[in-house]
C-alpha atoms as a PDB file:
ATOM      1  CA  MET A   1    -152.907  -0.534 -43.074  1.00  0.00           C
ATOM      2  CA  LYS A   2    -153.710  -2.050 -39.728  1.00  0.00           C
ATOM      3  CA  PHE A   3    -150.143  -3.353 -39.470  1.00  0.00           C
ATOM      4  CA  TRP A   4    -148.646  -0.057 -40.394  1.00  0.00           C
ATOM      5  CA  ILE A   5    -150.729   1.736 -37.697  1.00  0.00           C
ATOM      6  CA  ARG A   6    -149.697  -0.856 -35.066  1.00  0.00           C
ATOM      7  CA  LEU A   7    -146.071  -0.594 -36.090  1.00  0.00           C
ATOM      8  CA  ASN A   8    -146.337   3.199 -35.694  1.00  0.00           C
ATOM      9  CA  LEU A   9    -147.860   2.912 -32.298  1.00  0.00           C
ATOM     10  CA  ILE A  10    -144.990   0.610 -31.138  1.00  0.00           C
ATOM     11  CA  GLY A  11    -142.403   3.151 -32.612  1.00  0.00           C
ATOM     12  CA  ALA A  12    -144.171   5.913 -30.710  1.00  0.00           C
ATOM     13  CA  LEU A  13    -144.029   3.952 -27.417  1.00  0.00           C
ATOM     14  CA  TYR A  14    -140.311   3.315 -28.139  1.00  0.00           C
ATOM     15  CA  GLY A  15    -139.836   7.017 -28.677  1.00  0.00           C
ATOM     16  CA  LEU A  16    -141.767   7.869 -25.528  1.00  0.00           C
ATOM     17  CA  LEU A  17    -139.493   5.805 -23.144  1.00  0.00           C
ATOM     18  CA  PRO A  18    -136.243   7.759 -23.784  1.00  0.00           C
ATOM     19  CA  PHE A  19    -138.123  11.091 -24.001  1.00  0.00           C
ATOM     20  CA  VAL A  20    -139.533  10.557 -20.511  1.00  0.00           C
ATOM     21  CA  VAL A  21    -136.388   9.293 -19.007  1.00  0.00           C
ATOM     22  CA  LEU A  22    -134.098  12.053 -20.630  1.00  0.00           C
ATOM     23  CA  GLU A  23    -136.478  14.844 -20.053  1.00  0.00           C
ATOM     24  CA  MET A  24    -136.677  14.045 -16.428  1.00  0.00           C
ATOM     25  CA  MET A  25    -132.900  13.752 -16.039  1.00  0.00           C
ATOM     26  CA  VAL A  26    -132.343  16.989 -17.979  1.00  0.00           C
ATOM     27  CA  ASN A  27    -134.984  18.977 -16.012  1.00  0.00           C
ATOM     28  CA  VAL A  28    -133.884  18.078 -12.493  1.00  0.00           C
ATOM     29  CA  TYR A  29    -133.298  21.682 -11.478  1.00  0.00           C
ATOM     30  CA  ARG A  30    -136.659  22.754 -12.763  1.00  0.00           C
ATOM     31  CA  LEU A  31    -138.467  19.993 -10.964  1.00  0.00           C
ATOM     32  CA  SER A  32    -136.617  20.751  -7.738  1.00  0.00           C
ATOM     33  CA  ARG A  33    -137.567  24.403  -8.086  1.00  0.00           C
ATOM     34  CA  LEU A  34    -141.299  23.744  -8.993  1.00  0.00           C
ATOM     35  CA  SER A  35    -141.787  21.041  -6.341  1.00  0.00           C
ATOM     36  CA  GLY A  36    -139.950  22.774  -3.595  1.00  0.00           C
ATOM     37  CA  LEU A  37    -138.122  19.539  -2.697  1.00  0.00           C
ATOM     38  CA  SER A  38    -134.424  19.210  -2.175  1.00  0.00           C
ATOM     39  CA  LEU A  39    -132.293  18.334  -5.193  1.00  0.00           C
ATOM     40  CA  LYS A  40    -131.356  14.930  -3.548  1.00  0.00           C
ATOM     41  CA  THR A  41    -135.022  14.010  -3.100  1.00  0.00           C
ATOM     42  CA  VAL A  42    -135.854  14.936  -6.689  1.00  0.00           C
ATOM     43  CA  ILE A  43    -133.025  12.848  -8.119  1.00  0.00           C
ATOM     44  CA  VAL A  44    -134.057   9.799  -5.998  1.00  0.00           C
ATOM     45  CA  THR A  45    -137.644  10.246  -6.999  1.00  0.00           C
ATOM     46  CA  ILE A  46    -136.742  10.612 -10.675  1.00  0.00           C
ATOM     47  CA  ALA A  47    -134.715   7.442 -10.580  1.00  0.00           C
ATOM     48  CA  ILE A  48    -137.681   5.481  -9.118  1.00  0.00           C
ATOM     49  CA  ILE A  49    -140.055   6.992 -11.550  1.00  0.00           C
ATOM     50  CA  ASN A  50    -137.632   6.279 -14.475  1.00  0.00           C
ATOM     51  CA  LEU A  51    -137.515   2.590 -13.369  1.00  0.00           C
ATOM     52  CA  LEU A  52    -141.253   2.397 -13.224  1.00  0.00           C
ATOM     53  CA  VAL A  53    -141.694   3.993 -16.626  1.00  0.00           C
ATOM     54  CA  MET A  54    -139.234   1.598 -18.155  1.00  0.00           C
ATOM     55  CA  SER A  55    -140.783  -1.387 -16.723  1.00  0.00           C
ATOM     56  CA  ILE A  56    -144.324  -0.447 -17.678  1.00  0.00           C
ATOM     57  CA  ILE A  57    -143.445   0.656 -21.256  1.00  0.00           C
ATOM     58  CA  THR A  58    -141.348  -2.571 -21.860  1.00  0.00           C
ATOM     59  CA  ALA A  59    -144.103  -4.818 -20.574  1.00  0.00           C
ATOM     60  CA  LEU A  60    -146.640  -2.943 -22.723  1.00  0.00           C
ATOM     61  CA  VAL A  61    -144.435  -3.265 -25.806  1.00  0.00           C
ATOM     62  CA  LEU A  62    -143.840  -6.909 -25.199  1.00  0.00           C
ATOM     63  CA  PHE A  63    -147.409  -7.524 -24.848  1.00  0.00           C
ATOM     64  CA  LEU A  64    -148.271  -5.604 -28.037  1.00  0.00           C
ATOM     65  CA  ILE A  65    -145.529  -7.214 -30.110  1.00  0.00           C
ATOM     66  CA  LYS A  66    -146.602 -10.664 -28.931  1.00  0.00           C
ATOM     67  CA  ARG A  67    -150.304  -9.904 -29.585  1.00  0.00           C
ATOM     68  CA  TRP A  68    -150.217  -7.829 -32.746  1.00  0.00           C
ATOM     69  CA  MET A  69    -147.101  -8.749 -34.618  1.00  0.00           C
ATOM     70  CA  ALA A  70    -147.621 -12.463 -34.908  1.00  0.00           C
ATOM     71  CA  ASN A  71    -143.968 -13.353 -35.529  1.00  0.00           C
ATOM     72  CA  ARG A  72    -143.432 -10.851 -38.418  1.00  0.00           C
ATOM     73  CA  LYS A  73    -139.907  -9.917 -38.961  1.00  0.00           C
ATOM     74  CA  SER A  74    -141.078  -6.596 -40.234  1.00  0.00           C
ATOM     75  CA  THR A  75    -141.670  -5.640 -36.599  1.00  0.00           C
ATOM     76  CA  TYR A  76    -137.843  -4.771 -36.453  1.00  0.00           C
ATOM     77  CA  TRP A  77    -138.767  -1.621 -38.421  1.00  0.00           C
ATOM     78  CA  SER A  78    -139.790  -0.158 -35.162  1.00  0.00           C
ATOM     79  CA  LEU A  79    -136.054   0.141 -34.448  1.00  0.00           C
ATOM     80  CA  LEU A  80    -136.086   3.112 -36.815  1.00  0.00           C
ATOM     81  CA  PHE A  81    -139.664   4.337 -36.222  1.00  0.00           C
ATOM     82  CA  TRP A  82    -138.945   5.597 -32.711  1.00  0.00           C
ATOM     83  CA  ILE A  83    -136.490   8.320 -33.943  1.00  0.00           C
ATOM     84  CA  PRO A  84    -139.078  10.723 -35.562  1.00  0.00           C
ATOM     85  CA  TYR A  85    -141.369  10.191 -32.497  1.00  0.00           C
ATOM     86  CA  PHE A  86    -138.656  10.960 -30.101  1.00  0.00           C
ATOM     87  CA  ILE A  87    -137.661  14.118 -31.950  1.00  0.00           C
ATOM     88  CA  LEU A  88    -141.292  15.225 -32.214  1.00  0.00           C
ATOM     89  CA  PHE A  89    -141.837  14.659 -28.447  1.00  0.00           C
ATOM     90  CA  VAL A  90    -138.627  16.664 -27.755  1.00  0.00           C
ATOM     91  CA  ILE A  91    -139.542  19.546 -29.930  1.00  0.00           C
ATOM     92  CA  LEU A  92    -143.167  19.658 -28.604  1.00  0.00           C
ATOM     93  CA  PHE A  93    -141.817  19.705 -24.975  1.00  0.00           C
ATOM     94  CA  THR A  94    -139.229  22.362 -25.667  1.00  0.00           C
ATOM     95  CA  LEU A  95    -141.792  24.575 -27.423  1.00  0.00           C
ATOM     96  CA  THR A  96    -144.408  24.058 -24.680  1.00  0.00           C
ATOM     97  CA  PHE A  97    -142.008  24.454 -21.590  1.00  0.00           C
ATOM     98  CA  PRO A  98    -139.064  26.685 -22.667  1.00  0.00           C
ATOM     99  CA  ILE A  99    -136.279  27.402 -20.149  1.00  0.00           C
ATOM    100  CA  THR A 100    -136.830  30.866 -18.816  1.00  0.00           C
ATOM    101  CA  ASP A 101    -134.705  30.721 -15.590  1.00  0.00           C
ATOM    102  CA  PRO A 102    -130.890  30.537 -16.297  1.00  0.00           C
ATOM    103  CA  GLY A 103    -130.584  28.336 -13.233  1.00  0.00           C
ATOM    104  CA  GLU A 104    -132.557  25.533 -14.948  1.00  0.00           C
ATOM    105  CA  ILE A 105    -130.066  25.150 -17.709  1.00  0.00           C
ATOM    106  CA  PRO A 106    -128.761  21.452 -17.526  1.00  0.00           C
ATOM    107  CA  ASN A 107    -125.301  20.548 -16.395  1.00  0.00           C
ATOM    108  CA  PRO A 108    -122.803  20.138 -19.231  1.00  0.00           C
ATOM    109  CA  GLY A 109    -122.148  16.508 -18.188  1.00  0.00           C
ATOM    110  CA  ILE A 110    -125.675  15.536 -18.716  1.00  0.00           C
ATOM    111  CA  GLY A 111    -124.962  15.511 -22.450  1.00  0.00           C
ATOM    112  CA  LEU A 112    -122.645  12.517 -21.932  1.00  0.00           C
ATOM    113  CA  LEU A 113    -125.557  10.604 -20.264  1.00  0.00           C
ATOM    114  CA  VAL A 114    -127.917  11.712 -23.019  1.00  0.00           C
ATOM    115  CA  MET A 115    -125.484  10.404 -25.726  1.00  0.00           C
ATOM    116  CA  GLY A 116    -124.748   7.167 -23.855  1.00  0.00           C
ATOM    117  CA  THR A 117    -128.523   6.503 -23.458  1.00  0.00           C
ATOM    118  CA  LEU A 118    -129.276   7.154 -27.179  1.00  0.00           C
ATOM    119  CA  ILE A 119    -126.419   4.937 -28.205  1.00  0.00           C
ATOM    120  CA  PHE A 120    -127.438   1.997 -25.953  1.00  0.00           C
ATOM    121  CA  TYR A 121    -131.212   2.392 -26.587  1.00  0.00           C
ATOM    122  CA  PRO A 122    -131.357   0.704 -30.093  1.00  0.00           C
ATOM    123  CA  PHE A 123    -129.699  -2.419 -28.617  1.00  0.00           C
ATOM    124  CA  TYR A 124    -132.267  -2.459 -25.822  1.00  0.00           C
ATOM    125  CA  MET A 125    -135.160  -2.093 -28.428  1.00  0.00           C
ATOM    126  CA  LEU A 126    -133.525  -5.011 -30.364  1.00  0.00           C
ATOM    127  CA  LEU A 127    -133.605  -7.238 -27.369  1.00  0.00           C
ATOM    128  CA  VAL A 128    -137.274  -6.347 -26.526  1.00  0.00           C
ATOM    129  CA  ASN A 129    -138.336  -7.045 -30.199  1.00  0.00           C
ATOM    130  CA  TYR A 130    -136.382 -10.318 -30.156  1.00  0.00           C
ATOM    131  CA  PHE A 131    -137.913 -11.574 -26.846  1.00  0.00           C
ATOM    132  CA  GLY A 132    -141.389 -10.239 -27.950  1.00  0.00           C
ATOM    133  CA  LEU A 133    -141.243 -12.066 -31.275  1.00  0.00           C
ATOM    134  CA  ASN A 134    -139.689 -15.296 -30.041  1.00  0.00           C
ATOM    135  CA  GLN A 135    -141.601 -15.541 -26.597  1.00  0.00           C
ATOM    136  CA  LYS A 136    -144.413 -17.596 -28.065  1.00  0.00           C
ATOM    137  CA  ASN A 137    -142.028 -19.911 -30.011  1.00  0.00           C
ATOM    138  CA  SER A 138    -139.908 -20.618 -26.966  1.00  0.00           C
ATOM    139  CA  THR A 139    -142.857 -21.466 -24.828  1.00  0.00           C
ATOM    140  CA  THR A 140    -144.291 -23.714 -27.507  1.00  0.00           C
ATOM    141  CA  LYS A 141    -141.016 -25.416 -28.115  1.00  0.00           C
ATOM    142  CA  ALA A 142    -140.466 -26.051 -24.327  1.00  0.00           C
ATOM    143  CA  SER A 143    -143.960 -27.633 -24.020  1.00  0.00           C
ATOM    144  CA  LYS A 144    -143.236 -29.845 -27.075  1.00  0.00           C
ATOM    145  CA  ASP A 145    -139.851 -30.954 -25.424  1.00  0.00           C
ATOM    146  CA  ASN A 146    -141.564 -31.658 -22.160  1.00  0.00           C
ATOM    147  CA  LYS A 147    -144.210 -33.838 -23.967  1.00  0.00           C
ATOM    148  CA  MET A 148    -141.412 -35.699 -25.804  1.00  0.00           C
ATOM    149  CA  ASN A 149    -139.649 -36.261 -22.524  1.00  0.00           C
ATOM    150  CA  LEU A 150    -142.730 -37.586 -20.809  1.00  0.00           C
ATOM    151  CA  SER A 151    -143.442 -40.243 -23.505  1.00  0.00           C
END
């Protein structure tokens, strides 16, 4: 049961990452209107925040996989568990903050960015899972190789 909860927590973190990144990209006009900043300033700020969020969540997931999953191959199920969490986050956000101003409707071109992000994202998660699971093995193997070379 503990493993199932941990796997779902990692899946929720995986679902949170594209949610935050995509919602900030989609709601550029709304953020500009609410903050009173120019559109260019908001876009640059969103890019910086997105890079920070990606770095923090990736580091957190790598840490949790290394600590909790203990080289279990079933960790790769998190590649599927992010989808319901992502959908849940999007539905809750759209119900909580509906678009009321027609000027806040996203650009039609943003759909291509959303599709590209969602197509690329599983490969990103696969790499994170791979490095998280094999990080301990590679350092152990490297230290054994160094000991063999010294003797």
